[in-house]
């Protein structure tokens, strides 16, 4: 899986305290029901980064199938509970 980073998306996820590698890990390791389609082209993944922190990553697949991350942030406490219930 190839990721496409530029100044804008790397800075944007950084504003939420997320490193690009953490967002990549969540997308690469996503398990059902993720990634989930939101809207026409966007995909959503929830899951742990390599440190175990639960993140949300929103991304699109470019024409060449590379992943372009639009947004990444930590899950809220409520979202974490929902994610853990889904895993049971």
C-alpha atoms as a PDB file:
ATOM      1  CA  UNK A   1       0.000   0.000   0.000  1.00  0.00           C
ATOM      2  CA  UNK A   2       1.468   3.329  -1.029  1.00  0.00           C
ATOM      3  CA  UNK A   3       0.679   6.559   0.809  1.00  0.00           C
ATOM      4  CA  UNK A   4       0.919  10.023  -0.692  1.00  0.00           C
ATOM      5  CA  UNK A   5       1.939  12.767   1.706  1.00  0.00           C
ATOM      6  CA  UNK A   6       2.472  16.432   0.999  1.00  0.00           C
ATOM      7  CA  UNK A   7       2.917  19.486   3.160  1.00  0.00           C
ATOM      8  CA  UNK A   8      -0.823  20.033   3.581  1.00  0.00           C
ATOM      9  CA  UNK A   9      -1.924  16.600   4.790  1.00  0.00           C
ATOM     10  CA  UNK A  10       1.190  15.957   6.906  1.00  0.00           C
ATOM     11  CA  UNK A  11       0.702  19.314   8.637  1.00  0.00           C
ATOM     12  CA  UNK A  12      -3.041  18.770   9.030  1.00  0.00           C
ATOM     13  CA  UNK A  13      -2.705  15.436  10.838  1.00  0.00           C
ATOM     14  CA  UNK A  14       0.150  16.911  12.857  1.00  0.00           C
ATOM     15  CA  UNK A  15      -2.194  19.608  14.144  1.00  0.00           C
ATOM     16  CA  UNK A  16      -4.130  16.771  15.786  1.00  0.00           C
ATOM     17  CA  UNK A  17      -0.973  15.304  17.311  1.00  0.00           C
ATOM     18  CA  UNK A  18      -0.807  12.421  14.842  1.00  0.00           C
ATOM     19  CA  UNK A  19       2.321  11.350  12.972  1.00  0.00           C
ATOM     20  CA  UNK A  20       1.891  10.194   9.355  1.00  0.00           C
ATOM     21  CA  UNK A  21       3.261   6.749  10.259  1.00  0.00           C
ATOM     22  CA  UNK A  22       0.524   6.301  12.884  1.00  0.00           C
ATOM     23  CA  UNK A  23      -2.198   7.127  10.344  1.00  0.00           C
ATOM     24  CA  UNK A  24      -0.627   4.718   7.853  1.00  0.00           C
ATOM     25  CA  UNK A  25      -0.606   1.939  10.442  1.00  0.00           C
ATOM     26  CA  UNK A  26      -4.327   2.362  11.155  1.00  0.00           C
ATOM     27  CA  UNK A  27      -5.194   2.170   7.450  1.00  0.00           C
ATOM     28  CA  UNK A  28      -2.887  -0.788   6.763  1.00  0.00           C
ATOM     29  CA  UNK A  29      -4.161  -2.812   9.720  1.00  0.00           C
ATOM     30  CA  UNK A  30      -7.870  -1.927   9.422  1.00  0.00           C
ATOM     31  CA  UNK A  31     -10.213  -4.856  10.009  1.00  0.00           C
ATOM     32  CA  UNK A  32     -13.936  -5.219   9.314  1.00  0.00           C
ATOM     33  CA  UNK A  33     -16.074  -3.199   9.476  1.00  0.00           C
ATOM     34  CA  UNK A  34     -13.283  -0.800   8.461  1.00  0.00           C
ATOM     35  CA  UNK A  35     -12.486   0.811   6.195  1.00  0.00           C
ATOM     36  CA  UNK A  36     -16.022   2.077   5.811  1.00  0.00           C
ATOM     37  CA  UNK A  37     -17.190   4.295   2.970  1.00  0.00           C
ATOM     38  CA  UNK A  38     -18.380   7.791   3.952  1.00  0.00           C
ATOM     39  CA  UNK A  39     -19.745   9.888   1.156  1.00  0.00           C
ATOM     40  CA  UNK A  40     -18.867   9.357  -2.478  1.00  0.00           C
ATOM     41  CA  UNK A  41     -15.099   8.917  -2.315  1.00  0.00           C
ATOM     42  CA  UNK A  42     -13.956   9.044   1.294  1.00  0.00           C
ATOM     43  CA  UNK A  43     -13.112   6.071   3.475  1.00  0.00           C
ATOM     44  CA  UNK A  44     -13.006   5.929   7.277  1.00  0.00           C
ATOM     45  CA  UNK A  45     -10.848   3.665   9.410  1.00  0.00           C
ATOM     46  CA  UNK A  46     -10.800   3.325  13.177  1.00  0.00           C
ATOM     47  CA  UNK A  47      -8.138   1.318  14.911  1.00  0.00           C
ATOM     48  CA  UNK A  48      -4.986   1.258  16.985  1.00  0.00           C
ATOM     49  CA  UNK A  49      -1.709   2.748  15.867  1.00  0.00           C
ATOM     50  CA  UNK A  50       1.505   0.833  16.583  1.00  0.00           C
ATOM     51  CA  UNK A  51       1.534   2.246  20.147  1.00  0.00           C
ATOM     52  CA  UNK A  52      -2.047   1.065  20.781  1.00  0.00           C
ATOM     53  CA  UNK A  53      -3.650   4.520  20.689  1.00  0.00           C
ATOM     54  CA  UNK A  54      -7.052   4.421  18.982  1.00  0.00           C
ATOM     55  CA  UNK A  55      -7.293   6.735  15.982  1.00  0.00           C
ATOM     56  CA  UNK A  56      -9.711   7.777  13.278  1.00  0.00           C
ATOM     57  CA  UNK A  57      -8.292   8.222   9.782  1.00  0.00           C
ATOM     58  CA  UNK A  58     -10.231   9.589   6.811  1.00  0.00           C
ATOM     59  CA  UNK A  59      -8.672   9.015   3.405  1.00  0.00           C
ATOM     60  CA  UNK A  60      -9.286   8.651  -0.316  1.00  0.00           C
ATOM     61  CA  UNK A  61      -7.815   6.272  -2.860  1.00  0.00           C
ATOM     62  CA  UNK A  62      -6.227   8.101  -5.779  1.00  0.00           C
ATOM     63  CA  UNK A  63      -6.512   6.903  -9.381  1.00  0.00           C
ATOM     64  CA  UNK A  64      -3.257   4.961  -8.983  1.00  0.00           C
ATOM     65  CA  UNK A  65      -4.647   3.294  -5.797  1.00  0.00           C
ATOM     66  CA  UNK A  66      -2.350   5.291  -3.512  1.00  0.00           C
ATOM     67  CA  UNK A  67      -3.793   6.407  -0.182  1.00  0.00           C
ATOM     68  CA  UNK A  68      -4.173  10.122   0.462  1.00  0.00           C
ATOM     69  CA  UNK A  69      -4.937  10.853   4.112  1.00  0.00           C
ATOM     70  CA  UNK A  70      -7.278  13.794   4.597  1.00  0.00           C
ATOM     71  CA  UNK A  71      -7.686  13.744   8.367  1.00  0.00           C
ATOM     72  CA  UNK A  72      -6.517  11.819  11.422  1.00  0.00           C
ATOM     73  CA  UNK A  73      -7.204  12.264  15.111  1.00  0.00           C
ATOM     74  CA  UNK A  74      -7.518  10.344  18.345  1.00  0.00           C
ATOM     75  CA  UNK A  75     -10.882   8.758  19.059  1.00  0.00           C
ATOM     76  CA  UNK A  76     -12.987  10.406  21.741  1.00  0.00           C
ATOM     77  CA  UNK A  77     -13.736   8.381  24.879  1.00  0.00           C
ATOM     78  CA  UNK A  78     -17.234   7.684  23.571  1.00  0.00           C
ATOM     79  CA  UNK A  79     -15.853   6.488  20.218  1.00  0.00           C
ATOM     80  CA  UNK A  80     -13.326   4.279  22.004  1.00  0.00           C
ATOM     81  CA  UNK A  81     -16.141   2.545  23.907  1.00  0.00           C
ATOM     82  CA  UNK A  82     -18.058   2.043  20.660  1.00  0.00           C
ATOM     83  CA  UNK A  83     -14.964   0.662  18.912  1.00  0.00           C
ATOM     84  CA  UNK A  84     -14.309  -1.791  21.751  1.00  0.00           C
ATOM     85  CA  UNK A  85     -17.946  -2.974  21.703  1.00  0.00           C
ATOM     86  CA  UNK A  86     -17.608  -3.666  17.966  1.00  0.00           C
ATOM     87  CA  UNK A  87     -14.552  -5.841  18.641  1.00  0.00           C
ATOM     88  CA  UNK A  88     -16.387  -8.230  20.990  1.00  0.00           C
END
